[in-house]
């Protein structure tokens, strides 16, 4: 900004005549207008940056809560299948062990992230 002010100052006439004084005021007015525009642009850019950061933060919070909930549910289901398998082992019930293993295998094969596109 100082370079711009010096440039404008160097364009001012050295000897002041009435017409020169008028031109000097015109140049100073132009400089003020350019400075106001650049300040306005900076404020707009800062506002846009704040809005973008708020949007990113909101989306991050949403996905963090979503993933925590999805994986907490999968953890609970997985633990349930292991309880079934353990019970089948204790009772020497092969059908119960196989049912628990089969269900656990199906759960592991599926991904909770496959439906993520539908959330977008």
PDB file of N, CA and C in Angstrom:
ATOM      1  N   UNK A   1       0.830  -1.188   0.000  1.00  0.00           N
ATOM      2  CA  UNK A   1       0.000   0.000   0.000  1.00  0.00           C
ATOM      3  C   UNK A   1       0.869   1.243   0.000  1.00  0.00           C
ATOM      4  N   UNK A   2       2.013   1.207   0.678  1.00  0.00           N
ATOM      5  CA  UNK A   2       2.910   2.359   0.714  1.00  0.00           C
ATOM      6  C   UNK A   2       3.474   2.637  -0.670  1.00  0.00           C
ATOM      7  N   UNK A   3       3.747   1.583  -1.442  1.00  0.00           N
ATOM      8  CA  UNK A   3       4.254   1.784  -2.797  1.00  0.00           C
ATOM      9  C   UNK A   3       3.230   2.529  -3.635  1.00  0.00           C
ATOM     10  N   UNK A   4       1.982   2.156  -3.477  1.00  0.00           N
ATOM     11  CA  UNK A   4       0.901   2.807  -4.229  1.00  0.00           C
ATOM     12  C   UNK A   4       0.788   4.271  -3.827  1.00  0.00           C
ATOM     13  N   UNK A   5       0.911   4.548  -2.531  1.00  0.00           N
ATOM     14  CA  UNK A   5       0.835   5.943  -2.063  1.00  0.00           C
ATOM     15  C   UNK A   5       2.007   6.739  -2.613  1.00  0.00           C
ATOM     16  N   UNK A   6       3.203   6.161  -2.613  1.00  0.00           N
ATOM     17  CA  UNK A   6       4.372   6.859  -3.140  1.00  0.00           C
ATOM     18  C   UNK A   6       4.213   7.106  -4.635  1.00  0.00           C
ATOM     19  N   UNK A   7       3.672   6.123  -5.351  1.00  0.00           N
ATOM     20  CA  UNK A   7       3.446   6.292  -6.788  1.00  0.00           C
ATOM     21  C   UNK A   7       2.480   7.441  -7.042  1.00  0.00           C
ATOM     22  N   UNK A   8       1.406   7.467  -6.270  1.00  0.00           N
ATOM     23  CA  UNK A   8       0.437   8.558  -6.429  1.00  0.00           C
ATOM     24  C   UNK A   8       1.079   9.901  -6.079  1.00  0.00           C
ATOM     25  N   UNK A   9       1.883   9.922  -5.020  1.00  0.00           N
ATOM     26  CA  UNK A   9       2.551  11.149  -4.614  1.00  0.00           C
ATOM     27  C   UNK A   9       3.510  11.631  -5.693  1.00  0.00           C
ATOM     28  N   UNK A  10       4.237  10.716  -6.323  1.00  0.00           N
ATOM     29  CA  UNK A  10       5.199  11.095  -7.356  1.00  0.00           C
ATOM     30  C   UNK A  10       4.497  11.655  -8.588  1.00  0.00           C
ATOM     31  N   UNK A  11       3.235  11.313  -8.763  1.00  0.00           N
ATOM     32  CA  UNK A  11       2.479  11.842  -9.903  1.00  0.00           C
ATOM     33  C   UNK A  11       1.947  13.244  -9.648  1.00  0.00           C
ATOM     34  N   UNK A  12       2.040  13.704  -8.405  1.00  0.00           N
ATOM     35  CA  UNK A  12       1.582  15.057  -8.087  1.00  0.00           C
ATOM     36  C   UNK A  12       2.534  16.080  -8.705  1.00  0.00           C
ATOM     37  N   UNK A  13       2.014  17.185  -9.184  1.00  0.00           N
ATOM     38  CA  UNK A  13       2.884  18.217  -9.779  1.00  0.00           C
ATOM     39  C   UNK A  13       3.779  18.871  -8.718  1.00  0.00           C
ATOM     40  N   UNK A  14       4.970  19.331  -9.149  1.00  0.00           N
ATOM     41  CA  UNK A  14       5.918  19.959  -8.214  1.00  0.00           C
ATOM     42  C   UNK A  14       5.545  21.412  -7.947  1.00  0.00           C
ATOM     43  N   UNK A  15       5.123  22.117  -8.980  1.00  0.00           N
ATOM     44  CA  UNK A  15       4.650  23.493  -8.817  1.00  0.00           C
ATOM     45  C   UNK A  15       3.132  23.464  -8.831  1.00  0.00           C
ATOM     46  N   UNK A  16       2.561  24.111  -7.867  1.00  0.00           N
ATOM     47  CA  UNK A  16       1.101  24.048  -7.736  1.00  0.00           C
ATOM     48  C   UNK A  16       0.462  25.247  -8.436  1.00  0.00           C
ATOM     49  N   UNK A  17      -0.276  24.955  -9.489  1.00  0.00           N
ATOM     50  CA  UNK A  17      -1.122  25.934 -10.166  1.00  0.00           C
ATOM     51  C   UNK A  17      -2.553  25.517  -9.875  1.00  0.00           C
ATOM     52  N   UNK A  18      -3.498  26.342 -10.166  1.00  0.00           N
ATOM     53  CA  UNK A  18      -4.892  26.001  -9.890  1.00  0.00           C
ATOM     54  C   UNK A  18      -5.274  24.695 -10.589  1.00  0.00           C
ATOM     55  N   UNK A  19      -4.969  24.572 -11.841  1.00  0.00           N
ATOM     56  CA  UNK A  19      -5.320  23.353 -12.573  1.00  0.00           C
ATOM     57  C   UNK A  19      -4.564  22.150 -11.992  1.00  0.00           C
ATOM     58  N   UNK A  20      -3.298  22.411 -11.559  1.00  0.00           N
ATOM     59  CA  UNK A  20      -2.517  21.336 -10.958  1.00  0.00           C
ATOM     60  C   UNK A  20      -3.114  20.908  -9.610  1.00  0.00           C
ATOM     61  N   UNK A  21      -3.572  21.885  -8.843  1.00  0.00           N
ATOM     62  CA  UNK A  21      -4.172  21.577  -7.541  1.00  0.00           C
ATOM     63  C   UNK A  21      -5.426  20.733  -7.733  1.00  0.00           C
ATOM     64  N   UNK A  22      -6.212  21.095  -8.730  1.00  0.00           N
ATOM     65  CA  UNK A  22      -7.413  20.300  -9.016  1.00  0.00           C
ATOM     66  C   UNK A  22      -7.036  18.874  -9.395  1.00  0.00           C
ATOM     67  N   UNK A  23      -5.975  18.741 -10.233  1.00  0.00           N
ATOM     68  CA  UNK A  23      -5.521  17.403 -10.635  1.00  0.00           C
ATOM     69  C   UNK A  23      -5.004  16.636  -9.429  1.00  0.00           C
ATOM     70  N   UNK A  24      -4.319  17.323  -8.512  1.00  0.00           N
ATOM     71  CA  UNK A  24      -3.803  16.670  -7.309  1.00  0.00           C
ATOM     72  C   UNK A  24      -4.951  16.123  -6.467  1.00  0.00           C
ATOM     73  N   UNK A  25      -6.011  16.901  -6.326  1.00  0.00           N
ATOM     74  CA  UNK A  25      -7.168  16.417  -5.557  1.00  0.00           C
ATOM     75  C   UNK A  25      -7.849  15.234  -6.260  1.00  0.00           C
ATOM     76  N   UNK A  26      -7.868  15.282  -7.587  1.00  0.00           N
ATOM     77  CA  UNK A  26      -8.427  14.152  -8.323  1.00  0.00           C
ATOM     78  C   UNK A  26      -7.612  12.884  -8.063  1.00  0.00           C
ATOM     79  N   UNK A  27      -6.275  13.026  -8.107  1.00  0.00           N
ATOM     80  CA  UNK A  27      -5.415  11.870  -7.857  1.00  0.00           C
ATOM     81  C   UNK A  27      -5.584  11.342  -6.432  1.00  0.00           C
ATOM     82  N   UNK A  28      -5.661  12.237  -5.476  1.00  0.00           N
ATOM     83  CA  UNK A  28      -5.857  11.814  -4.087  1.00  0.00           C
ATOM     84  C   UNK A  28      -7.210  11.132  -3.911  1.00  0.00           C
ATOM     85  N   UNK A  29      -8.207  11.645  -4.596  1.00  0.00           N
ATOM     86  CA  UNK A  29      -9.538  11.033  -4.534  1.00  0.00           C
ATOM     87  C   UNK A  29      -9.501   9.624  -5.139  1.00  0.00           C
ATOM     88  N   UNK A  30      -8.803   9.465  -6.274  1.00  0.00           N
ATOM     89  CA  UNK A  30      -8.660   8.139  -6.889  1.00  0.00           C
ATOM     90  C   UNK A  30      -7.966   7.174  -5.935  1.00  0.00           C
ATOM     91  N   UNK A  31      -6.908   7.652  -5.289  1.00  0.00           N
ATOM     92  CA  UNK A  31      -6.170   6.799  -4.349  1.00  0.00           C
ATOM     93  C   UNK A  31      -7.080   6.351  -3.211  1.00  0.00           C
ATOM     94  N   UNK A  32      -7.881   7.277  -2.668  1.00  0.00           N
ATOM     95  CA  UNK A  32      -8.798   6.930  -1.583  1.00  0.00           C
ATOM     96  C   UNK A  32      -9.816   5.887  -2.035  1.00  0.00           C
ATOM     97  N   UNK A  33     -10.352   6.067  -3.242  1.00  0.00           N
ATOM     98  CA  UNK A  33     -11.335   5.117  -3.765  1.00  0.00           C
ATOM     99  C   UNK A  33     -10.720   3.734  -3.968  1.00  0.00           C
ATOM    100  N   UNK A  34      -9.491   3.697  -4.521  1.00  0.00           N
ATOM    101  CA  UNK A  34      -8.820   2.413  -4.715  1.00  0.00           C
ATOM    102  C   UNK A  34      -8.548   1.746  -3.383  1.00  0.00           C
ATOM    103  N   UNK A  35      -8.163   2.530  -2.387  1.00  0.00           N
ATOM    104  CA  UNK A  35      -7.878   1.984  -1.061  1.00  0.00           C
ATOM    105  C   UNK A  35      -9.152   1.421  -0.426  1.00  0.00           C
ATOM    106  N   UNK A  36     -10.273   2.139  -0.592  1.00  0.00           N
ATOM    107  CA  UNK A  36     -11.547   1.647  -0.051  1.00  0.00           C
ATOM    108  C   UNK A  36     -11.964   0.349  -0.733  1.00  0.00           C
ATOM    109  N   UNK A  37     -11.749   0.258  -2.047  1.00  0.00           N
ATOM    110  CA  UNK A  37     -12.101  -0.962  -2.766  1.00  0.00           C
ATOM    111  C   UNK A  37     -11.258  -2.131  -2.298  1.00  0.00           C
ATOM    112  N   UNK A  38      -9.964  -1.906  -2.110  1.00  0.00           N
ATOM    113  CA  UNK A  38      -9.113  -3.014  -1.684  1.00  0.00           C
ATOM    114  C   UNK A  38      -9.466  -3.450  -0.265  1.00  0.00           C
ATOM    115  N   UNK A  39      -9.822  -2.509   0.605  1.00  0.00           N
ATOM    116  CA  UNK A  39     -10.244  -2.857   1.961  1.00  0.00           C
ATOM    117  C   UNK A  39     -11.539  -3.657   1.908  1.00  0.00           C
ATOM    118  N   UNK A  40     -12.453  -3.229   1.061  1.00  0.00           N
ATOM    119  CA  UNK A  40     -13.720  -3.936   0.917  1.00  0.00           C
ATOM    120  C   UNK A  40     -13.480  -5.354   0.403  1.00  0.00           C
ATOM    121  N   UNK A  41     -12.587  -5.502  -0.561  1.00  0.00           N
ATOM    122  CA  UNK A  41     -12.268  -6.826  -1.097  1.00  0.00           C
ATOM    123  C   UNK A  41     -11.661  -7.715  -0.027  1.00  0.00           C
ATOM    124  N   UNK A  42     -10.795  -7.151   0.798  1.00  0.00           N
ATOM    125  CA  UNK A  42     -10.175  -7.921   1.877  1.00  0.00           C
ATOM    126  C   UNK A  42     -11.229  -8.379   2.874  1.00  0.00           C
ATOM    127  N   UNK A  43     -12.160  -7.486   3.200  1.00  0.00           N
ATOM    128  CA  UNK A  43     -13.223  -7.852   4.138  1.00  0.00           C
ATOM    129  C   UNK A  43     -14.107  -8.951   3.556  1.00  0.00           C
ATOM    130  N   UNK A  44     -14.410  -8.857   2.263  1.00  0.00           N
ATOM    131  CA  UNK A  44     -15.217  -9.893   1.612  1.00  0.00           C
ATOM    132  C   UNK A  44     -14.477 -11.227   1.626  1.00  0.00           C
ATOM    133  N   UNK A  45     -13.193 -11.179   1.318  1.00  0.00           N
ATOM    134  CA  UNK A  45     -12.395 -12.409   1.312  1.00  0.00           C
ATOM    135  C   UNK A  45     -12.352 -13.028   2.702  1.00  0.00           C
ATOM    136  N   UNK A  46     -12.206 -12.193   3.725  1.00  0.00           N
ATOM    137  CA  UNK A  46     -12.167 -12.697   5.105  1.00  0.00           C
ATOM    138  C   UNK A  46     -13.514 -13.314   5.487  1.00  0.00           C
ATOM    139  N   UNK A  47     -14.595 -12.684   5.075  1.00  0.00           N
ATOM    140  CA  UNK A  47     -15.927 -13.212   5.355  1.00  0.00           C
ATOM    141  C   UNK A  47     -16.132 -14.553   4.650  1.00  0.00           C
ATOM    142  N   UNK A  48     -15.719 -14.627   3.383  1.00  0.00           N
ATOM    143  CA  UNK A  48     -15.845 -15.893   2.653  1.00  0.00           C
ATOM    144  C   UNK A  48     -15.005 -16.981   3.301  1.00  0.00           C
ATOM    145  N   UNK A  49     -13.820 -16.621   3.772  1.00  0.00           N
ATOM    146  CA  UNK A  49     -12.961 -17.602   4.446  1.00  0.00           C
ATOM    147  C   UNK A  49     -13.631 -18.111   5.716  1.00  0.00           C
ATOM    148  N   UNK A  50     -14.210 -17.208   6.499  1.00  0.00           N
ATOM    149  CA  UNK A  50     -14.890 -17.610   7.732  1.00  0.00           C
ATOM    150  C   UNK A  50     -16.084 -18.509   7.433  1.00  0.00           C
ATOM    151  N   UNK A  51     -16.835 -18.190   6.390  1.00  0.00           N
ATOM    152  CA  UNK A  51     -17.977 -19.023   6.010  1.00  0.00           C
ATOM    153  C   UNK A  51     -17.523 -20.417   5.574  1.00  0.00           C
ATOM    154  N   UNK A  52     -16.446 -20.477   4.791  1.00  0.00           N
ATOM    155  CA  UNK A  52     -15.929 -21.774   4.345  1.00  0.00           C
ATOM    156  C   UNK A  52     -15.446 -22.605   5.529  1.00  0.00           C
ATOM    157  N   UNK A  53     -14.753 -21.970   6.465  1.00  0.00           N
ATOM    158  CA  UNK A  53     -14.278 -22.699   7.646  1.00  0.00           C
ATOM    159  C   UNK A  53     -15.443 -23.197   8.495  1.00  0.00           C
ATOM    160  N   UNK A  54     -16.479 -22.391   8.617  1.00  0.00           N
ATOM    161  CA  UNK A  54     -17.656 -22.814   9.385  1.00  0.00           C
ATOM    162  C   UNK A  54     -18.323 -24.015   8.723  1.00  0.00           C
ATOM    163  N   UNK A  55     -18.421 -24.007   7.395  1.00  0.00           N
ATOM    164  CA  UNK A  55     -19.023 -25.117   6.663  1.00  0.00           C
ATOM    165  C   UNK A  55     -18.193 -26.386   6.824  1.00  0.00           C
ATOM    166  N   UNK A  56     -16.880 -26.265   6.711  1.00  0.00           N
ATOM    167  CA  UNK A  56     -15.992 -27.418   6.872  1.00  0.00           C
ATOM    168  C   UNK A  56     -16.117 -27.989   8.281  1.00  0.00           C
ATOM    169  N   UNK A  57     -16.137 -27.121   9.278  1.00  0.00           N
ATOM    170  CA  UNK A  57     -16.260 -27.552  10.669  1.00  0.00           C
ATOM    171  C   UNK A  57     -17.586 -28.266  10.903  1.00  0.00           C
ATOM    172  N   UNK A  58     -18.658 -27.724  10.342  1.00  0.00           N
ATOM    173  CA  UNK A  58     -19.985 -28.338  10.491  1.00  0.00           C
ATOM    174  C   UNK A  58     -20.004 -29.733   9.873  1.00  0.00           C
ATOM    175  N   UNK A  59     -19.446 -29.863   8.670  1.00  0.00           N
ATOM    176  CA  UNK A  59     -19.417 -31.171   8.007  1.00  0.00           C
ATOM    177  C   UNK A  59     -18.532 -32.150   8.779  1.00  0.00           C
ATOM    178  N   UNK A  60     -17.401 -31.683   9.269  1.00  0.00           N
ATOM    179  CA  UNK A  60     -16.502 -32.549  10.035  1.00  0.00           C
ATOM    180  C   UNK A  60     -17.217 -33.084  11.273  1.00  0.00           C
ATOM    181  N   UNK A  61     -17.882 -32.192  11.999  1.00  0.00           N
ATOM    182  CA  UNK A  61     -18.607 -32.614  13.205  1.00  0.00           C
ATOM    183  C   UNK A  61     -19.685 -33.649  12.871  1.00  0.00           C
ATOM    184  N   UNK A  62     -20.400 -33.408  11.778  1.00  0.00           N
ATOM    185  CA  UNK A  62     -21.456 -34.347  11.375  1.00  0.00           C
ATOM    186  C   UNK A  62     -20.875 -35.717  11.078  1.00  0.00           C
ATOM    187  N   UNK A  63     -19.844 -35.785  10.242  1.00  0.00           N
ATOM    188  CA  UNK A  63     -19.258 -37.079   9.872  1.00  0.00           C
ATOM    189  C   UNK A  63     -18.586 -37.761  11.050  1.00  0.00           C
ATOM    190  N   UNK A  64     -17.994 -36.994  11.929  1.00  0.00           N
ATOM    191  CA  UNK A  64     -17.373 -37.589  13.114  1.00  0.00           C
ATOM    192  C   UNK A  64     -18.428 -38.283  13.976  1.00  0.00           C
ATOM    193  N   UNK A  65     -19.551 -37.609  14.202  1.00  0.00           N
ATOM    194  CA  UNK A  65     -20.634 -38.213  14.987  1.00  0.00           C
ATOM    195  C   UNK A  65     -21.237 -39.419  14.255  1.00  0.00           C
ATOM    196  N   UNK A  66     -21.410 -39.305  12.945  1.00  0.00           N
ATOM    197  CA  UNK A  66     -21.973 -40.392  12.147  1.00  0.00           C
ATOM    198  C   UNK A  66     -21.084 -41.631  12.224  1.00  0.00           C
ATOM    199  N   UNK A  67     -19.783 -41.469  11.991  1.00  0.00           N
ATOM    200  CA  UNK A  67     -18.868 -42.616  12.040  1.00  0.00           C
ATOM    201  C   UNK A  67     -18.801 -43.211  13.436  1.00  0.00           C
ATOM    202  N   UNK A  68     -18.800 -42.362  14.449  1.00  0.00           N
ATOM    203  CA  UNK A  68     -18.765 -42.881  15.826  1.00  0.00           C
ATOM    204  C   UNK A  68     -19.994 -43.746  16.092  1.00  0.00           C
ATOM    205  N   UNK A  69     -21.157 -43.275  15.635  1.00  0.00           N
ATOM    206  CA  UNK A  69     -22.393 -44.037  15.858  1.00  0.00           C
ATOM    207  C   UNK A  69     -22.387 -45.343  15.064  1.00  0.00           C
ATOM    208  N   UNK A  70     -21.996 -45.279  13.793  1.00  0.00           N
ATOM    209  CA  UNK A  70     -21.989 -46.481  12.948  1.00  0.00           C
ATOM    210  C   UNK A  70     -21.034 -47.528  13.496  1.00  0.00           C
ATOM    211  N   UNK A  71     -19.831 -47.111  13.854  1.00  0.00           N
ATOM    212  CA  UNK A  71     -18.856 -48.093  14.318  1.00  0.00           C
ATOM    213  C   UNK A  71     -19.145 -48.569  15.741  1.00  0.00           C
ATOM    214  N   UNK A  72     -19.811 -47.745  16.539  1.00  0.00           N
ATOM    215  CA  UNK A  72     -20.225 -48.209  17.871  1.00  0.00           C
ATOM    216  C   UNK A  72     -21.280 -49.303  17.719  1.00  0.00           C
ATOM    217  N   UNK A  73     -22.183 -49.123  16.778  1.00  0.00           N
ATOM    218  CA  UNK A  73     -23.212 -50.135  16.520  1.00  0.00           C
ATOM    219  C   UNK A  73     -22.567 -51.426  16.021  1.00  0.00           C
ATOM    220  N   UNK A  74     -21.626 -51.315  15.092  1.00  0.00           N
ATOM    221  CA  UNK A  74     -20.935 -52.518  14.576  1.00  0.00           C
ATOM    222  C   UNK A  74     -20.171 -53.217  15.690  1.00  0.00           C
ATOM    223  N   UNK A  75     -19.569 -52.447  16.582  1.00  0.00           N
ATOM    224  CA  UNK A  75     -18.834 -53.051  17.698  1.00  0.00           C
ATOM    225  C   UNK A  75     -19.785 -53.851  18.585  1.00  0.00           C
ATOM    226  N   UNK A  76     -20.937 -53.273  18.877  1.00  0.00           N
ATOM    227  CA  UNK A  76     -21.920 -53.963  19.726  1.00  0.00           C
ATOM    228  C   UNK A  76     -22.408 -55.250  19.048  1.00  0.00           C
ATOM    229  N   UNK A  77     -22.662 -55.179  17.748  1.00  0.00           N
ATOM    230  CA  UNK A  77     -23.123 -56.363  17.021  1.00  0.00           C
ATOM    231  C   UNK A  77     -22.033 -57.440  16.997  1.00  0.00           C
ATOM    232  N   UNK A  78     -20.787 -57.000  16.742  1.00  0.00           N
ATOM    233  CA  UNK A  78     -19.662 -57.944  16.726  1.00  0.00           C
ATOM    234  C   UNK A  78     -19.509 -58.634  18.077  1.00  0.00           C
ATOM    235  N   UNK A  79     -19.604 -57.858  19.144  1.00  0.00           N
ATOM    236  CA  UNK A  79     -19.499 -58.446  20.492  1.00  0.00           C
ATOM    237  C   UNK A  79     -20.625 -59.449  20.740  1.00  0.00           C
ATOM    238  N   UNK A  80     -21.804 -59.149  20.216  1.00  0.00           N
ATOM    239  CA  UNK A  80     -22.935 -60.073  20.354  1.00  0.00           C
ATOM    240  C   UNK A  80     -22.668 -61.400  19.653  1.00  0.00           C
ATOM    241  N   UNK A  81     -22.105 -61.324  18.436  1.00  0.00           N
ATOM    242  CA  UNK A  81     -21.779 -62.560  17.720  1.00  0.00           C
ATOM    243  C   UNK A  81     -20.709 -63.370  18.456  1.00  0.00           C
ATOM    244  N   UNK A  82     -19.726 -62.679  19.034  1.00  0.00           N
ATOM    245  CA  UNK A  82     -18.706 -63.399  19.799  1.00  0.00           C
ATOM    246  C   UNK A  82     -19.305 -64.053  21.049  1.00  0.00           C
ATOM    247  N   UNK A  83     -20.288 -63.398  21.658  1.00  0.00           N
ATOM    248  CA  UNK A  83     -20.964 -64.026  22.812  1.00  0.00           C
ATOM    249  C   UNK A  83     -21.690 -65.293  22.377  1.00  0.00           C
ATOM    250  N   UNK A  84     -22.307 -65.243  21.198  1.00  0.00           N
ATOM    251  CA  UNK A  84     -22.998 -66.440  20.673  1.00  0.00           C
ATOM    252  C   UNK A  84     -21.990 -67.551  20.411  1.00  0.00           C
ATOM    253  N   UNK A  85     -20.857 -67.185  19.803  1.00  0.00           N
ATOM    254  CA  UNK A  85     -19.815 -68.189  19.523  1.00  0.00           C
ATOM    255  C   UNK A  85     -19.292 -68.778  20.835  1.00  0.00           C
ATOM    256  N   UNK A  86     -19.013 -67.922  21.812  1.00  0.00           N
ATOM    257  CA  UNK A  86     -18.533 -68.399  23.121  1.00  0.00           C
ATOM    258  C   UNK A  86     -19.557 -69.322  23.778  1.00  0.00           C
ATOM    259  N   UNK A  87     -20.814 -68.939  23.698  1.00  0.00           N
ATOM    260  CA  UNK A  87     -21.864 -69.776  24.285  1.00  0.00           C
ATOM    261  C   UNK A  87     -21.914 -71.136  23.576  1.00  0.00           C
ATOM    262  N   UNK A  88     -21.811 -71.136  22.260  1.00  0.00           N
ATOM    263  CA  UNK A  88     -21.805 -72.396  21.502  1.00  0.00           C
ATOM    264  C   UNK A  88     -20.621 -73.272  21.884  1.00  0.00           C
ATOM    265  N   UNK A  89     -19.469 -72.644  22.117  1.00  0.00           N
ATOM    266  CA  UNK A  89     -18.285 -73.416  22.523  1.00  0.00           C
ATOM    267  C   UNK A  89     -18.502 -74.010  23.911  1.00  0.00           C
ATOM    268  N   UNK A  90     -19.017 -73.193  24.847  1.00  0.00           N
ATOM    269  CA  UNK A  90     -19.258 -73.681  26.208  1.00  0.00           C
ATOM    270  C   UNK A  90     -20.245 -74.843  26.207  1.00  0.00           C
ATOM    271  N   UNK A  91     -21.291 -74.720  25.399  1.00  0.00           N
ATOM    272  CA  UNK A  91     -22.337 -75.740  25.363  1.00  0.00           C
ATOM    273  C   UNK A  91     -22.019 -76.864  24.379  1.00  0.00           C
ATOM    274  N   UNK A  92     -20.871 -76.754  23.711  1.00  0.00           N
ATOM    275  CA  UNK A  92     -20.486 -77.750  22.694  1.00  0.00           C
ATOM    276  C   UNK A  92     -21.576 -77.884  21.623  1.00  0.00           C
ATOM    277  N   UNK A  93     -22.128 -76.725  21.242  1.00  0.00           N
ATOM    278  CA  UNK A  93     -23.204 -76.663  20.255  1.00  0.00           C
ATOM    279  C   UNK A  93     -22.612 -76.119  18.943  1.00  0.00           C
ATOM    280  N   UNK A  94     -22.280 -77.050  18.042  1.00  0.00           N
ATOM    281  CA  UNK A  94     -21.647 -76.659  16.778  1.00  0.00           C
ATOM    282  C   UNK A  94     -22.543 -75.767  15.924  1.00  0.00           C
ATOM    283  N   UNK A  95     -23.844 -76.007  15.965  1.00  0.00           N
ATOM    284  CA  UNK A  95     -24.764 -75.182  15.172  1.00  0.00           C
ATOM    285  C   UNK A  95     -24.740 -73.725  15.635  1.00  0.00           C
ATOM    286  N   UNK A  96     -24.677 -73.527  16.936  1.00  0.00           N
ATOM    287  CA  UNK A  96     -24.631 -72.169  17.488  1.00  0.00           C
ATOM    288  C   UNK A  96     -23.302 -71.492  17.124  1.00  0.00           C
ATOM    289  N   UNK A  97     -22.207 -72.228  17.215  1.00  0.00           N
ATOM    290  CA  UNK A  97     -20.884 -71.679  16.845  1.00  0.00           C
ATOM    291  C   UNK A  97     -20.885 -71.298  15.366  1.00  0.00           C
ATOM    292  N   UNK A  98     -21.390 -72.200  14.516  1.00  0.00           N
ATOM    293  CA  UNK A  98     -21.424 -71.921  13.077  1.00  0.00           C
ATOM    294  C   UNK A  98     -22.333 -70.741  12.743  1.00  0.00           C
ATOM    295  N   UNK A  99     -23.458 -70.636  13.422  1.00  0.00           N
ATOM    296  CA  UNK A  99     -24.368 -69.516  13.194  1.00  0.00           C
ATOM    297  C   UNK A  99     -23.687 -68.196  13.580  1.00  0.00           C
ATOM    298  N   UNK A 100     -22.992 -68.186  14.714  1.00  0.00           N
ATOM    299  CA  UNK A 100     -22.275 -66.984  15.158  1.00  0.00           C
ATOM    300  C   UNK A 100     -21.156 -66.616  14.199  1.00  0.00           C
ATOM    301  N   UNK A 101     -20.385 -67.641  13.760  1.00  0.00           N
ATOM    302  CA  UNK A 101     -19.296 -67.386  12.812  1.00  0.00           C
ATOM    303  C   UNK A 101     -19.812 -66.896  11.465  1.00  0.00           C
ATOM    304  N   UNK A 102     -20.890 -67.489  11.002  1.00  0.00           N
ATOM    305  CA  UNK A 102     -21.473 -67.082   9.721  1.00  0.00           C
ATOM    306  C   UNK A 102     -21.962 -65.631   9.772  1.00  0.00           C
ATOM    307  N   UNK A 103     -22.661 -65.309  10.849  1.00  0.00           N
ATOM    308  CA  UNK A 103     -23.163 -63.938  11.004  1.00  0.00           C
ATOM    309  C   UNK A 103     -22.016 -62.943  11.134  1.00  0.00           C
ATOM    310  N   UNK A 104     -20.983 -63.334  11.887  1.00  0.00           N
ATOM    311  CA  UNK A 104     -19.816 -62.471  12.054  1.00  0.00           C
ATOM    312  C   UNK A 104     -19.111 -62.272  10.712  1.00  0.00           C
ATOM    313  N   UNK A 105     -19.007 -63.333   9.934  1.00  0.00           N
ATOM    314  CA  UNK A 105     -18.384 -63.253   8.614  1.00  0.00           C
ATOM    315  C   UNK A 105     -19.157 -62.309   7.693  1.00  0.00           C
ATOM    316  N   UNK A 106     -20.479 -62.418   7.716  1.00  0.00           N
ATOM    317  CA  UNK A 106     -21.313 -61.531   6.892  1.00  0.00           C
ATOM    318  C   UNK A 106     -21.117 -60.067   7.300  1.00  0.00           C
ATOM    319  N   UNK A 107     -21.023 -59.825   8.591  1.00  0.00           N
ATOM    320  CA  UNK A 107     -20.829 -58.460   9.081  1.00  0.00           C
ATOM    321  C   UNK A 107     -19.477 -57.914   8.635  1.00  0.00           C
ATOM    322  N   UNK A 108     -18.452 -58.733   8.746  1.00  0.00           N
ATOM    323  CA  UNK A 108     -17.097 -58.300   8.366  1.00  0.00           C
ATOM    324  C   UNK A 108     -17.024 -58.050   6.865  1.00  0.00           C
ATOM    325  N   UNK A 109     -17.722 -58.848   6.079  1.00  0.00           N
ATOM    326  CA  UNK A 109     -17.719 -58.663   4.621  1.00  0.00           C
ATOM    327  C   UNK A 109     -18.398 -57.370   4.201  1.00  0.00           C
ATOM    328  N   UNK A 110     -19.379 -56.949   4.955  1.00  0.00           N
ATOM    329  CA  UNK A 110     -20.089 -55.718   4.590  1.00  0.00           C
ATOM    330  C   UNK A 110     -19.333 -54.510   5.154  1.00  0.00           C
ATOM    331  N   UNK A 111     -19.438 -53.411   4.441  1.00  0.00           N
ATOM    332  CA  UNK A 111     -18.763 -52.196   4.888  1.00  0.00           C
ATOM    333  C   UNK A 111     -19.808 -51.130   5.215  1.00  0.00           C
ATOM    334  N   UNK A 112     -19.692 -50.494   6.359  1.00  0.00           N
ATOM    335  CA  UNK A 112     -20.639 -49.435   6.685  1.00  0.00           C
ATOM    336  C   UNK A 112     -20.429 -48.198   5.813  1.00  0.00           C
ATOM    337  N   UNK A 113     -19.331 -48.147   5.102  1.00  0.00           N
ATOM    338  CA  UNK A 113     -19.031 -46.980   4.287  1.00  0.00           C
ATOM    339  C   UNK A 113     -19.618 -47.071   2.882  1.00  0.00           C
ATOM    340  N   UNK A 114     -20.180 -48.229   2.510  1.00  0.00           N
ATOM    341  CA  UNK A 114     -20.746 -48.381   1.155  1.00  0.00           C
ATOM    342  C   UNK A 114     -21.945 -47.468   0.955  1.00  0.00           C
ATOM    343  N   UNK A 115     -22.660 -47.169   1.997  1.00  0.00           N
ATOM    344  CA  UNK A 115     -23.830 -46.296   1.869  1.00  0.00           C
ATOM    345  C   UNK A 115     -23.476 -44.837   2.108  1.00  0.00           C
ATOM    346  N   UNK A 116     -22.217 -44.524   2.198  1.00  0.00           N
ATOM    347  CA  UNK A 116     -21.794 -43.141   2.464  1.00  0.00           C
ATOM    348  C   UNK A 116     -22.196 -42.192   1.344  1.00  0.00           C
ATOM    349  N   UNK A 117     -22.178 -42.646   0.099  1.00  0.00           N
ATOM    350  CA  UNK A 117     -22.567 -41.797  -1.026  1.00  0.00           C
ATOM    351  C   UNK A 117     -24.012 -41.325  -0.900  1.00  0.00           C
ATOM    352  N   UNK A 118     -24.864 -42.146  -0.339  1.00  0.00           N
ATOM    353  CA  UNK A 118     -26.268 -41.743  -0.190  1.00  0.00           C
ATOM    354  C   UNK A 118     -26.432 -40.641   0.844  1.00  0.00           C
ATOM    355  N   UNK A 119     -25.477 -40.510   1.751  1.00  0.00           N
ATOM    356  CA  UNK A 119     -25.544 -39.465   2.785  1.00  0.00           C
ATOM    357  C   UNK A 119     -25.237 -38.107   2.184  1.00  0.00           C
ATOM    358  N   UNK A 120     -24.331 -38.093   1.219  1.00  0.00           N
ATOM    359  CA  UNK A 120     -23.943 -36.832   0.588  1.00  0.00           C
ATOM    360  C   UNK A 120     -25.125 -36.185  -0.046  1.00  0.00           C
TER     361      UNK A 120
END
